[in-house]
Amino acid sequence: MKAVLYGRYSSDKQRDASITDQFRNCERAAEQEGLEVIARYDDKGISGTTTDRPGYQAMLADAKDRKFDVLIVDDLSRISREDIEMKQVVKRFKFWGIRIISVSDGFDSDSKGYKLHVGVKGLMNELYIDDLREKTHRGLTGQALKGNNTGGRSYGYRHIPTEDPSRRDEYGRPVVTAVRREIDEAQAKWVRQIFEWYANGRSPRWIAGELNRLGVPSPRNSTWAASAIHGNPEMGTGLLNNPLYDGVYIWNRSEWVKDPETGKRRRRLRPEDEWIRTDMPELRIVPKGLWESVRKRQQSKREKSAAIRKALHDNARTGAGSKYLFSGLLKCGECSANYIIADSYRYGCSTNVNRGPAACSNGIRVRRTLVEQLLLDGIKRDLFTPEGIELFKRETTRLLTEYKARQKPDHAALRKRLTKIEKEIDNIMDAIKAGIITPSTKGALTEAEAAKVELEKALHVDTSHLDRIAVVLPGAVDRFRELVENLETVAHRDMARARTQIKHLVGGEIKLIPTGEGYLEAELAGDYAGLVKLANESPGARGTGAKLSLVAGARNQLYLLFAAPGLMAR
């Protein structure tokens, strides 16, 4: 019987010795059970509330492939601190015929009352996490009331640890009891400069570009972005919204909560009466008058935006989706960032727009309406040359032929495999009748029976629709031509659908490459698998019974040139 061990610790106060201790207990249990330990998996410094753990995922993958018979852990909380995840793991391992042994809490998935045990243990683990969260929050509240740092860094400050010389950690160093902030004047001067620029009418985009031009180090040692400057005033994010620059420390403004459907953490604003405010005038970086000037300009911009949205009503941007045909498809050939609406009527590289020419030198702007018209004209013109149509037919024929070859089952091979599986099942049943019953025996039987069911399904699958796929080809070119020529009409009715069609036509993206002459060269790559899919899904193709899922075929290159002030095509 083959066994594996899994160990984990989450606290940064623990060391690798914690894993060693866990494995020692597990190895003792393996020896008592007469098991051969073939592998060890571990995760160091990772919480049990997340499944995104390399060692854990590797162990699950090997379990699914039946590479071992028994999993041994020191206690069940090493597997997970989430009740639902814990129960799911036990269910999956039972289905795979793999036994779970937890040494410290006496759990054994082969025991009669294992469901009750795992239910109680899972609930205890979740209560432990809730209690730990409350204690941590209580401790951080105390630190916040004293004005100490409770996590994270703010540009313009350095962190100074407060040590207790009477206490030592495991490395013999004084224990750090708190961390306080101190103004870092080298950064603070740039904080004041940013506030002055904004108060004098400069935009966050201009400020980010100027900081990058001057080579000012950013908070994350990258390049400055406009979003890092303007942020979200309501959430208190962004450099312009940090109240610490005004000498006020606010803690407990927001909390992170896990979405039960996606498992992702989301930031949520707490009620204002739960915020903890501490006056710390010694940490003020921005003069009061300058701070208020920035607040007034932000409020003025919010009021103007609200008035515009009210005037536009249904035409206002609501975040429900882009209203431009090529949004998300245009890519900068210099830095690979998205091309975005840079101003009221032109496209521009997002890196250049938000971070300035020091981050990306491609500063060419092109009118949105002309870009859209020229690209649509180019697609219509160059995809339907005699050569293009002939290539489309050849690729369509090739893809359909390959698809049919992949989809039609090899009955002789399937019957041969089915006979082999049935013989394996007979052998396992003979072993069970002889009294040889082990977890691996049960697992092998379950796996063989599942394989038999799948083979029987494959033998009886209806493949008549594959012969009807040929009817797609004769009208595919006409349907595809109609689809392309009606793109503008579709865009007026359903922008999202038109954008999806264009994505198939151009292979997912359009590169806009700046040239030395001040032009943008647009490179489109047509994906013929996408073209076949679109032609098959068009209204004229309905009722054929053909459903395609094809791999990428040949690609057709299409080039255009965009001039900086206007547009020019080739």
Protein backbone atom coordinates (compact mmCIF):
# COMPACT_ATOMS: atom_id res chain seq x y z
CA MET A 1 0.00 0.00 0.00
CA LYS A 2 1.46 3.36 -1.07
CA ALA A 3 1.05 6.40 1.18
CA VAL A 4 1.84 10.10 0.83
CA LEU A 5 2.19 12.80 3.47
CA TYR A 6 0.90 16.38 3.38
CA GLY A 7 2.02 19.15 5.74
CA ARG A 8 1.23 22.85 5.96
CA TYR A 9 1.67 25.85 8.20
CA SER A 10 0.24 29.34 7.72
CA SER A 11 1.74 31.62 10.37
CA ASP A 12 4.88 33.56 9.57
CA LYS A 13 5.94 32.88 13.18
CA GLN A 14 6.27 29.18 12.36
CA ARG A 15 9.32 27.65 10.72
CA ASP A 16 10.21 24.75 8.44
CA ALA A 17 10.60 22.69 11.62
CA SER A 18 6.81 22.73 11.88
CA ILE A 19 6.58 20.70 8.65
CA THR A 20 9.30 18.36 9.92
CA ASP A 21 7.36 17.77 13.13
CA GLN A 22 4.17 17.03 11.18
CA PHE A 23 5.95 14.58 8.89
CA ARG A 24 7.55 12.80 11.84
CA ASN A 25 4.10 12.09 13.32
CA CYS A 26 2.81 10.97 9.93
CA GLU A 27 5.77 8.66 9.31
CA ARG A 28 5.22 7.00 12.67
CA ALA A 29 1.57 6.33 11.72
CA ALA A 30 2.63 4.96 8.31
CA GLU A 31 5.05 2.56 9.99
CA GLN A 32 2.35 1.33 12.37
CA GLU A 33 -0.04 0.74 9.43
CA GLY A 34 2.63 -1.01 7.37
CA LEU A 35 2.46 1.62 4.60
CA GLU A 36 5.21 2.63 2.18
CA VAL A 37 5.67 6.44 2.03
CA ILE A 38 6.38 7.36 -1.59
CA ALA A 39 5.97 11.16 -1.58
CA ARG A 40 5.69 14.22 0.65
CA TYR A 41 3.84 17.44 -0.22
CA ASP A 42 3.99 20.67 1.77
CA ASP A 43 2.94 24.33 1.74
CA LYS A 44 4.82 26.81 3.90
CA GLY A 45 3.30 30.07 5.10
CA ILE A 46 0.00 29.60 3.24
CA SER A 47 -3.42 29.81 4.90
CA GLY A 48 -5.68 26.78 4.99
CA THR A 49 -8.62 28.98 3.98
CA THR A 50 -7.40 29.01 0.36
CA THR A 51 -7.08 26.13 -2.10
CA ASP A 52 -4.47 27.98 -4.16
CA ARG A 53 -1.55 26.07 -2.63
CA PRO A 54 1.07 24.45 -4.95
CA GLY A 55 1.72 21.43 -2.73
CA TYR A 56 -1.97 20.87 -2.06
CA GLN A 57 -2.89 21.07 -5.75
CA ALA A 58 -0.06 18.69 -6.70
CA MET A 59 -1.29 16.20 -4.09
CA LEU A 60 -4.88 16.42 -5.40
CA ALA A 61 -3.69 15.89 -8.99
CA ASP A 62 -1.74 12.77 -8.02
CA ALA A 63 -4.72 11.49 -6.01
CA LYS A 64 -6.98 11.85 -9.04
CA ASP A 65 -4.45 9.83 -11.07
CA ARG A 66 -4.53 7.10 -8.33
CA LYS A 67 -0.78 7.36 -7.69
CA PHE A 68 -1.22 6.45 -4.01
CA ASP A 69 -3.61 4.56 -1.75
CA VAL A 70 -3.47 6.51 1.54
CA LEU A 71 -3.07 10.19 2.47
CA ILE A 72 -1.64 10.87 5.96
CA VAL A 73 -1.80 14.31 7.62
CA ASP A 74 -0.99 15.42 11.16
CA ASP A 75 -4.53 16.79 11.57
CA LEU A 76 -7.42 17.59 9.22
CA SER A 77 -6.92 21.36 9.47
CA ARG A 78 -3.70 20.87 7.45
CA ILE A 79 -5.88 19.88 4.47
CA SER A 80 -8.25 22.84 4.80
CA ARG A 81 -9.76 25.28 7.27
CA GLU A 82 -12.89 25.57 5.12
CA ASP A 83 -15.72 23.22 6.14
CA ILE A 84 -17.08 22.79 2.58
CA GLU A 85 -13.64 22.20 1.05
CA MET A 86 -12.82 19.62 3.74
CA LYS A 87 -15.99 17.64 3.06
CA GLN A 88 -15.47 17.82 -0.72
CA VAL A 89 -11.93 16.43 -0.39
CA VAL A 90 -13.12 13.50 1.74
CA LYS A 91 -15.93 12.77 -0.77
CA ARG A 92 -13.56 12.81 -3.73
CA PHE A 93 -10.99 10.60 -1.99
CA LYS A 94 -13.70 8.10 -1.02
CA PHE A 95 -14.83 7.99 -4.66
CA TRP A 96 -11.24 7.42 -5.81
CA GLY A 97 -10.79 4.66 -3.24
CA ILE A 98 -8.11 6.56 -1.30
CA ARG A 99 -8.00 6.41 2.48
CA ILE A 100 -7.33 9.53 4.62
CA ILE A 101 -5.64 9.20 8.01
CA SER A 102 -5.31 12.19 10.36
CA VAL A 103 -2.92 11.35 13.20
CA SER A 104 -3.50 13.94 15.93
CA ASP A 105 -7.32 13.95 15.82
CA GLY A 106 -7.74 10.20 15.19
CA PHE A 107 -9.61 10.54 11.90
CA ASP A 108 -9.79 7.59 9.49
CA SER A 109 -12.00 7.78 6.39
CA ASP A 110 -12.37 3.98 6.49
CA SER A 111 -14.01 4.11 9.93
CA LYS A 112 -17.79 3.81 10.30
CA GLY A 113 -18.41 7.26 11.79
CA TYR A 114 -16.08 9.22 9.50
CA LYS A 115 -18.86 11.54 8.21
CA LEU A 116 -19.74 12.74 11.70
CA HIS A 117 -16.06 13.18 12.53
CA VAL A 118 -15.26 15.26 9.44
CA GLY A 119 -18.41 17.35 9.95
CA VAL A 120 -17.52 18.24 13.53
CA LYS A 121 -13.85 18.85 12.67
CA GLY A 122 -14.75 21.08 9.71
CA LEU A 123 -17.05 23.19 11.88
CA MET A 124 -14.35 23.49 14.56
CA ASN A 125 -11.81 24.63 11.95
CA GLU A 126 -14.15 27.36 10.67
CA LEU A 127 -14.89 28.53 14.22
CA TYR A 128 -11.15 28.65 14.86
CA ILE A 129 -10.66 30.90 11.82
CA ASP A 130 -13.53 33.16 12.91
CA ASP A 131 -12.07 33.42 16.40
CA LEU A 132 -8.58 34.10 15.03
CA ARG A 133 -9.98 36.79 12.71
CA GLU A 134 -11.72 38.51 15.63
CA LYS A 135 -8.59 38.39 17.81
CA THR A 136 -6.44 39.73 14.97
CA HIS A 137 -8.92 42.53 14.31
CA ARG A 138 -9.02 43.39 18.02
CA GLY A 139 -5.23 43.53 18.17
CA LEU A 140 -5.00 45.72 15.07
CA THR A 141 -7.65 48.05 16.53
CA GLY A 142 -5.41 48.60 19.54
CA GLN A 143 -2.45 49.37 17.29
CA ALA A 144 -4.56 51.77 15.18
CA LEU A 145 -5.73 53.68 18.27
CA LYS A 146 -2.07 54.18 19.21
CA GLY A 147 -1.33 55.46 15.70
CA ASN A 148 0.86 52.49 14.78
CA ASN A 149 0.91 50.91 11.34
CA THR A 150 -1.58 48.06 10.88
CA GLY A 151 -0.33 46.84 7.50
CA GLY A 152 0.53 48.16 4.07
CA ARG A 153 2.74 51.08 3.06
CA SER A 154 1.97 54.68 2.17
CA TYR A 155 4.20 56.54 -0.26
CA GLY A 156 6.01 59.33 1.59
CA TYR A 157 6.67 57.40 4.80
CA ARG A 158 9.20 54.91 6.11
CA HIS A 159 8.47 52.22 8.71
CA ILE A 160 10.28 52.22 12.04
CA PRO A 161 9.95 49.02 14.15
CA THR A 162 9.44 49.29 17.93
CA GLU A 163 11.42 46.53 19.65
CA ASP A 164 11.20 44.98 23.12
CA PRO A 165 14.82 44.27 24.18
CA SER A 166 13.62 42.04 27.05
CA ARG A 167 12.06 39.53 24.62
CA ARG A 168 13.78 37.55 21.89
CA ASP A 169 12.42 35.66 18.88
CA GLU A 170 13.61 32.21 17.77
CA TYR A 171 16.59 33.82 15.99
CA GLY A 172 17.69 35.71 19.11
CA ARG A 173 16.56 39.11 17.83
CA PRO A 174 14.47 41.57 19.90
CA VAL A 175 10.71 41.01 19.39
CA VAL A 176 9.01 43.69 17.29
CA THR A 177 5.92 44.85 19.22
CA ALA A 178 4.73 47.60 16.86
CA VAL A 179 5.62 49.57 13.72
CA ARG A 180 5.32 53.34 13.55
CA ARG A 181 5.58 55.68 10.58
CA GLU A 182 8.03 58.46 9.94
CA ILE A 183 8.03 60.98 7.07
CA ASP A 184 10.48 60.12 4.28
CA GLU A 185 11.35 63.56 2.95
CA ALA A 186 12.79 62.20 -0.32
CA GLN A 187 9.31 60.90 -1.21
CA ALA A 188 7.32 63.56 0.66
CA LYS A 189 8.53 66.33 -1.67
CA TRP A 190 7.00 64.46 -4.61
CA VAL A 191 3.73 63.99 -2.72
CA ARG A 192 3.51 67.78 -2.29
CA GLN A 193 4.48 68.30 -5.96
CA ILE A 194 1.71 65.94 -7.12
CA PHE A 195 -0.86 67.81 -5.00
CA GLU A 196 0.35 71.16 -6.38
CA TRP A 197 0.18 69.95 -9.98
CA TYR A 198 -3.36 68.65 -9.50
CA ALA A 199 -4.54 71.80 -7.68
CA ASN A 200 -3.16 73.86 -10.59
CA GLY A 201 -5.30 71.97 -13.11
CA ARG A 202 -3.02 69.14 -14.24
CA SER A 203 -4.69 65.76 -14.88
CA PRO A 204 -3.59 62.50 -13.21
CA ARG A 205 -2.51 61.26 -16.65
CA TRP A 206 -0.27 64.27 -17.18
CA ILE A 207 1.15 63.93 -13.66
CA ALA A 208 1.96 60.23 -14.14
CA GLY A 209 3.64 60.98 -17.47
CA GLU A 210 5.73 63.80 -15.97
CA LEU A 211 6.84 61.66 -13.01
CA ASN A 212 7.92 58.91 -15.39
CA ARG A 213 9.71 61.43 -17.62
CA LEU A 214 11.62 62.73 -14.60
CA GLY A 215 12.49 59.17 -13.51
CA VAL A 216 10.83 59.45 -10.09
CA PRO A 217 10.65 55.96 -8.48
CA SER A 218 7.04 54.80 -8.09
CA PRO A 219 5.61 53.18 -4.92
CA ARG A 220 5.95 49.72 -6.51
CA ASN A 221 9.29 50.35 -8.24
CA SER A 222 7.62 50.34 -11.66
CA THR A 223 6.21 53.29 -13.60
CA TRP A 224 3.59 55.72 -12.35
CA ALA A 225 0.00 55.20 -13.52
CA ALA A 226 -2.86 57.69 -13.49
CA SER A 227 -4.99 55.28 -11.44
CA ALA A 228 -2.40 55.26 -8.63
CA ILE A 229 -2.85 59.02 -8.38
CA HIS A 230 -6.62 59.57 -8.70
CA GLY A 231 -7.77 56.25 -7.15
CA ASN A 232 -11.22 56.00 -5.59
CA PRO A 233 -12.12 58.81 -3.14
CA GLU A 234 -14.92 56.76 -1.53
CA MET A 235 -12.63 53.83 -0.74
CA GLY A 236 -9.74 56.11 0.19
CA THR A 237 -7.45 54.64 -2.48
CA GLY A 238 -5.11 56.66 -4.68
CA LEU A 239 -2.41 59.09 -3.61
CA LEU A 240 -4.70 62.16 -3.75
CA ASN A 241 -7.15 60.55 -1.30
CA ASN A 242 -4.79 59.43 1.48
CA PRO A 243 -5.90 61.32 4.64
CA LEU A 244 -2.54 60.59 6.28
CA TYR A 245 -1.06 63.38 4.13
CA ASP A 246 -3.48 65.67 6.02
CA GLY A 247 -2.32 64.30 9.38
CA VAL A 248 -5.31 61.99 9.93
CA TYR A 249 -4.95 58.20 10.16
CA ILE A 250 -8.13 56.29 9.22
CA TRP A 251 -8.31 52.56 9.86
CA ASN A 252 -11.12 50.02 9.42
CA ARG A 253 -12.57 51.92 6.45
CA SER A 254 -13.07 48.71 4.47
CA GLU A 255 -12.93 44.94 4.79
CA TRP A 256 -12.13 42.01 2.52
CA VAL A 257 -14.87 39.41 2.11
CA LYS A 258 -14.81 36.16 0.13
CA ASP A 259 -17.43 35.68 -2.58
CA PRO A 260 -18.97 32.25 -1.83
CA GLU A 261 -19.61 31.62 -5.55
CA THR A 262 -16.22 32.53 -7.03
CA GLY A 263 -14.02 32.15 -3.94
CA LYS A 264 -12.41 35.53 -4.77
CA ARG A 265 -11.90 38.22 -2.13
CA ARG A 266 -13.67 41.55 -2.65
CA ARG A 267 -13.14 44.85 -0.89
CA ARG A 268 -16.25 46.27 0.80
CA LEU A 269 -16.73 49.66 2.48
CA ARG A 270 -17.63 49.52 6.19
CA PRO A 271 -20.17 51.91 7.79
CA GLU A 272 -18.48 55.21 8.61
CA ASP A 273 -19.27 54.91 12.33
CA GLU A 274 -16.94 51.87 12.44
CA TRP A 275 -13.96 53.83 11.10
CA ILE A 276 -11.18 54.57 13.56
CA ARG A 277 -9.73 58.08 13.14
CA THR A 278 -6.53 59.15 14.84
CA ASP A 279 -5.16 62.70 14.56
CA MET A 280 -1.42 62.54 13.81
CA PRO A 281 -0.30 66.09 12.91
CA GLU A 282 3.34 64.99 13.07
CA LEU A 283 2.73 62.93 9.90
CA ARG A 284 1.19 65.77 7.88
CA ILE A 285 2.96 66.14 4.50
CA VAL A 286 0.54 68.36 2.56
CA PRO A 287 -0.27 71.87 3.88
CA LYS A 288 -3.92 72.32 4.90
CA GLY A 289 -4.68 74.91 2.23
CA LEU A 290 -3.28 72.70 -0.54
CA TRP A 291 -5.20 69.67 0.78
CA GLU A 292 -8.48 71.63 0.68
CA SER A 293 -7.76 72.94 -2.83
CA VAL A 294 -7.42 69.38 -4.13
CA ARG A 295 -10.66 68.37 -2.36
CA LYS A 296 -12.52 71.28 -3.99
CA ARG A 297 -11.25 70.43 -7.48
CA GLN A 298 -12.22 66.75 -7.03
CA GLN A 299 -15.70 67.75 -5.87
CA SER A 300 -16.09 70.12 -8.81
CA LYS A 301 -15.13 67.36 -11.28
CA ARG A 302 -17.60 64.93 -9.64
CA GLU A 303 -20.42 67.46 -9.92
CA LYS A 304 -19.64 68.13 -13.58
CA SER A 305 -19.58 64.39 -14.34
CA ALA A 306 -22.89 63.90 -12.53
CA ALA A 307 -24.45 66.74 -14.52
CA ILE A 308 -23.23 65.26 -17.81
CA ARG A 309 -24.61 61.82 -16.90
CA LYS A 310 -27.94 63.34 -15.95
CA ALA A 311 -28.11 65.26 -19.23
CA LEU A 312 -27.19 62.21 -21.32
CA HIS A 313 -29.62 59.86 -19.52
CA ASP A 314 -29.66 56.60 -21.49
CA ASN A 315 -26.57 57.55 -23.49
CA ALA A 316 -24.41 57.96 -20.40
CA ARG A 317 -21.60 55.50 -19.72
CA THR A 318 -22.83 53.08 -17.07
CA GLY A 319 -20.10 50.45 -17.04
CA ALA A 320 -22.46 47.91 -18.66
CA GLY A 321 -20.06 47.36 -21.56
CA SER A 322 -18.04 49.22 -24.15
CA LYS A 323 -19.96 51.19 -26.76
CA TYR A 324 -17.18 51.13 -29.37
CA LEU A 325 -16.81 48.49 -32.07
CA PHE A 326 -13.08 47.75 -31.69
CA SER A 327 -12.73 48.20 -27.91
CA GLY A 328 -10.56 45.46 -26.42
CA LEU A 329 -9.31 44.34 -29.84
CA LEU A 330 -6.73 47.02 -30.64
CA LYS A 331 -3.24 46.37 -29.20
CA CYS A 332 -0.18 48.60 -29.17
CA GLY A 333 2.61 47.09 -31.27
CA GLU A 334 5.17 48.81 -29.05
CA CYS A 335 4.16 47.60 -25.54
CA SER A 336 1.19 45.22 -26.22
CA ALA A 337 -1.17 47.29 -24.06
CA ASN A 338 -4.76 47.96 -25.16
CA TYR A 339 -5.60 50.91 -27.37
CA ILE A 340 -8.27 52.93 -25.56
CA ILE A 341 -10.35 56.04 -26.16
CA ALA A 342 -7.72 58.64 -25.27
CA ASP A 343 -10.01 61.64 -25.52
CA SER A 344 -13.45 62.49 -26.86
CA TYR A 345 -12.79 61.14 -30.36
CA ARG A 346 -9.38 59.43 -30.68
CA TYR A 347 -7.79 56.06 -29.89
CA GLY A 348 -4.40 55.94 -28.13
CA CYS A 349 -2.09 53.43 -26.41
CA SER A 350 -3.27 53.05 -22.79
CA THR A 351 0.29 52.90 -21.43
CA ASN A 352 1.25 56.09 -23.21
CA VAL A 353 -2.03 57.76 -22.22
CA ASN A 354 -1.95 56.76 -18.52
CA ARG A 355 1.80 56.59 -17.85
CA GLY A 356 3.33 58.93 -20.43
CA PRO A 357 5.93 58.57 -23.22
CA ALA A 358 8.61 57.42 -20.76
CA ALA A 359 6.64 54.20 -20.27
CA CYS A 360 5.69 53.76 -23.97
CA SER A 361 6.91 55.98 -26.79
CA ASN A 362 3.92 55.25 -29.03
CA GLY A 363 2.06 58.54 -28.73
CA ILE A 364 0.22 58.39 -32.07
CA ARG A 365 -3.52 59.17 -31.77
CA VAL A 366 -6.02 58.26 -34.47
CA ARG A 367 -9.66 59.24 -34.90
CA ARG A 368 -12.02 56.50 -33.72
CA THR A 369 -14.58 56.87 -36.53
CA LEU A 370 -11.94 56.70 -39.26
CA VAL A 371 -10.20 53.73 -37.62
CA GLU A 372 -13.47 51.81 -37.50
CA GLN A 373 -14.43 52.65 -41.08
CA LEU A 374 -10.99 51.87 -42.50
CA LEU A 375 -10.71 48.56 -40.67
CA LEU A 376 -14.19 47.48 -41.75
CA ASP A 377 -13.43 48.44 -45.35
CA GLY A 378 -10.13 46.55 -45.20
CA ILE A 379 -11.81 43.41 -43.85
CA LYS A 380 -14.45 43.49 -46.59
CA ARG A 381 -11.97 44.26 -49.37
CA ASP A 382 -9.06 41.94 -48.52
CA LEU A 383 -10.96 38.92 -47.22
CA PHE A 384 -12.93 38.64 -50.45
CA THR A 385 -10.32 38.81 -53.17
CA PRO A 386 -10.39 35.76 -55.49
CA GLU A 387 -7.23 34.50 -53.78
CA GLY A 388 -8.72 35.04 -50.32
CA ILE A 389 -11.93 33.19 -51.19
CA GLU A 390 -10.00 30.28 -52.68
CA LEU A 391 -7.84 30.05 -49.56
CA PHE A 392 -10.98 30.21 -47.40
CA LYS A 393 -12.46 27.25 -49.33
CA ARG A 394 -9.27 25.20 -49.03
CA GLU A 395 -8.94 25.85 -45.31
CA THR A 396 -12.64 25.16 -44.72
CA THR A 397 -12.40 21.83 -46.54
CA ARG A 398 -9.24 20.87 -44.65
CA LEU A 399 -10.68 21.78 -41.25
CA LEU A 400 -13.96 19.96 -41.89
CA THR A 401 -12.09 16.85 -43.06
CA GLU A 402 -9.84 16.87 -39.99
CA TYR A 403 -12.83 17.46 -37.74
CA LYS A 404 -14.74 14.50 -39.18
CA ALA A 405 -11.65 12.29 -38.85
CA ARG A 406 -11.27 13.24 -35.19
CA GLN A 407 -14.94 12.81 -34.35
CA LYS A 408 -15.76 9.49 -36.02
CA PRO A 409 -14.92 6.70 -33.56
CA ASP A 410 -12.66 3.74 -34.38
CA HIS A 411 -15.12 0.93 -33.53
CA ALA A 412 -12.53 -1.84 -33.81
CA ALA A 413 -10.20 -0.16 -31.34
CA LEU A 414 -13.07 0.65 -28.98
CA ARG A 415 -14.30 -2.96 -28.96
CA LYS A 416 -10.75 -4.20 -28.29
CA ARG A 417 -10.40 -1.85 -25.30
CA LEU A 418 -13.88 -2.81 -24.03
CA THR A 419 -12.97 -6.52 -24.12
CA LYS A 420 -9.80 -5.78 -22.13
CA ILE A 421 -11.71 -3.73 -19.52
CA GLU A 422 -14.35 -6.45 -19.12
CA LYS A 423 -11.59 -9.01 -18.50
CA GLU A 424 -10.05 -6.73 -15.84
CA ILE A 425 -13.43 -6.44 -14.10
CA ASP A 426 -13.81 -10.24 -14.10
CA ASN A 427 -10.33 -10.60 -12.54
CA ILE A 428 -11.13 -8.04 -9.83
CA MET A 429 -14.42 -9.78 -9.03
CA ASP A 430 -12.57 -13.13 -8.72
CA ALA A 431 -10.17 -11.47 -6.26
CA ILE A 432 -13.05 -10.08 -4.20
CA LYS A 433 -14.75 -13.48 -4.12
CA ALA A 434 -11.46 -14.94 -2.85
CA GLY A 435 -11.55 -12.47 0.05
CA ILE A 436 -9.00 -9.96 -1.26
CA ILE A 437 -10.81 -6.72 -0.41
CA THR A 438 -8.67 -3.56 0.01
CA PRO A 439 -9.18 0.15 -0.73
CA SER A 440 -7.05 -0.24 -3.87
CA THR A 441 -9.19 -3.20 -5.01
CA LYS A 442 -12.36 -1.17 -4.61
CA GLY A 443 -10.76 1.81 -6.35
CA ALA A 444 -9.62 -0.32 -9.30
CA LEU A 445 -13.12 -1.78 -9.67
CA THR A 446 -14.74 1.67 -9.60
CA GLU A 447 -12.29 2.97 -12.21
CA ALA A 448 -12.75 -0.05 -14.51
CA GLU A 449 -16.54 0.12 -14.36
CA ALA A 450 -16.47 3.86 -15.16
CA ALA A 451 -14.20 3.19 -18.15
CA LYS A 452 -16.57 0.46 -19.38
CA VAL A 453 -19.54 2.86 -19.30
CA GLU A 454 -17.60 5.49 -21.31
CA LEU A 455 -16.50 2.94 -23.94
CA GLU A 456 -20.05 1.66 -24.37
CA LYS A 457 -21.29 5.23 -24.85
CA ALA A 458 -18.60 5.87 -27.49
CA LEU A 459 -19.58 2.73 -29.39
CA HIS A 460 -23.21 3.77 -29.62
CA VAL A 461 -22.72 7.50 -30.36
CA ASP A 462 -24.75 8.85 -33.31
CA THR A 463 -22.32 10.07 -35.99
CA SER A 464 -24.84 10.68 -38.76
CA HIS A 465 -24.60 14.45 -38.26
CA LEU A 466 -20.93 14.33 -39.27
CA ASP A 467 -21.93 13.31 -42.80
CA ARG A 468 -24.22 16.33 -43.00
CA ILE A 469 -21.37 18.76 -42.23
CA ALA A 470 -20.52 18.84 -45.92
CA VAL A 471 -23.67 20.87 -46.57
CA VAL A 472 -22.06 23.77 -44.69
CA LEU A 473 -19.36 24.35 -47.30
CA PRO A 474 -21.26 25.21 -50.54
CA GLY A 475 -23.05 28.20 -48.98
CA ALA A 476 -20.36 29.13 -46.47
CA VAL A 477 -18.71 31.78 -48.64
CA ASP A 478 -22.01 33.52 -49.42
CA ARG A 479 -23.11 33.40 -45.78
CA PHE A 480 -19.72 34.69 -44.66
CA ARG A 481 -19.76 37.51 -47.23
CA GLU A 482 -23.24 38.50 -46.04
CA LEU A 483 -22.11 38.43 -42.44
CA VAL A 484 -19.10 40.70 -43.09
CA GLU A 485 -21.04 43.16 -45.24
CA ASN A 486 -23.70 43.49 -42.53
CA LEU A 487 -21.26 44.14 -39.68
CA GLU A 488 -22.11 47.83 -39.50
CA THR A 489 -25.84 47.07 -39.39
CA VAL A 490 -25.31 44.50 -36.63
CA ALA A 491 -23.20 46.98 -34.68
CA HIS A 492 -26.06 49.46 -34.59
CA ARG A 493 -28.41 46.80 -33.16
CA ASP A 494 -26.09 44.69 -30.99
CA MET A 495 -22.59 46.06 -30.34
CA ALA A 496 -21.46 43.06 -28.25
CA ARG A 497 -22.42 40.59 -31.01
CA ALA A 498 -20.69 42.64 -33.70
CA ARG A 499 -17.52 42.85 -31.59
CA THR A 500 -17.54 39.06 -31.07
CA GLN A 501 -17.85 38.53 -34.84
CA ILE A 502 -14.95 40.87 -35.53
CA LYS A 503 -12.87 39.05 -32.91
CA HIS A 504 -13.32 35.82 -34.88
CA LEU A 505 -12.52 37.59 -38.14
CA VAL A 506 -9.23 39.13 -37.01
CA GLY A 507 -7.94 36.29 -34.82
CA GLY A 508 -8.59 37.94 -31.46
CA GLU A 509 -6.67 41.21 -31.79
CA ILE A 510 -5.42 43.92 -34.13
CA LYS A 511 -1.88 45.18 -33.62
CA LEU A 512 -1.27 48.88 -34.26
CA ILE A 513 2.47 49.19 -34.93
CA PRO A 514 4.10 52.65 -35.03
CA THR A 515 6.44 53.28 -37.97
CA GLY A 516 9.38 55.66 -38.31
CA GLU A 517 7.33 57.85 -40.65
CA GLY A 518 4.76 58.65 -37.97
CA TYR A 519 2.12 56.15 -39.09
CA LEU A 520 0.42 53.23 -37.42
CA GLU A 521 0.47 49.96 -39.33
CA ALA A 522 -2.50 47.76 -38.47
CA GLU A 523 -1.87 44.01 -38.63
CA LEU A 524 -4.92 41.75 -38.77
CA ALA A 525 -4.67 37.97 -38.72
CA GLY A 526 -7.79 36.16 -39.91
CA ASP A 527 -8.39 32.83 -38.15
CA TYR A 528 -10.07 30.47 -40.62
CA ALA A 529 -11.40 28.24 -37.86
CA GLY A 530 -13.15 31.35 -36.59
CA LEU A 531 -14.44 32.14 -40.07
CA VAL A 532 -15.94 28.66 -40.44
CA LYS A 533 -17.55 28.95 -37.01
CA LEU A 534 -19.10 32.31 -37.91
CA ALA A 535 -20.35 31.10 -41.29
CA ASN A 536 -21.89 28.04 -39.64
CA GLU A 537 -23.61 30.15 -36.96
CA SER A 538 -25.07 32.69 -39.39
CA PRO A 539 -28.87 32.57 -39.93
CA GLY A 540 -28.56 30.90 -43.33
CA ALA A 541 -26.68 27.94 -41.83
CA ARG A 542 -29.27 27.03 -39.23
CA GLY A 543 -30.97 23.68 -39.51
CA THR A 544 -27.96 21.83 -40.96
CA GLY A 545 -27.40 19.92 -37.74
CA ALA A 546 -23.65 20.67 -37.95
CA LYS A 547 -21.89 21.78 -34.78
CA LEU A 548 -18.22 22.70 -35.13
CA SER A 549 -15.46 23.18 -32.58
CA LEU A 550 -12.30 23.61 -34.62
CA VAL A 551 -8.66 24.34 -33.95
CA ALA A 552 -6.98 27.39 -35.48
CA GLY A 553 -6.27 27.13 -39.17
CA ALA A 554 -4.21 29.22 -41.55
CA ARG A 555 -3.99 32.96 -41.01
CA ASN A 556 -4.48 35.71 -43.56
CA GLN A 557 -2.44 38.89 -43.03
CA LEU A 558 -4.01 42.28 -43.76
CA TYR A 559 -2.13 45.57 -43.44
CA LEU A 560 -3.36 49.17 -43.15
CA LEU A 561 -1.57 52.43 -42.48
CA PHE A 562 -2.93 55.13 -40.16
CA ALA A 563 -1.49 58.65 -40.33
CA ALA A 564 -1.11 60.59 -37.10
CA PRO A 565 -3.34 63.60 -37.96
CA GLY A 566 -5.72 61.79 -40.31
CA LEU A 567 -5.77 58.33 -41.86
CA MET A 568 -4.25 56.76 -44.87
CA ALA A 569 -4.77 53.23 -46.17
CA ARG A 570 -2.66 50.81 -48.12
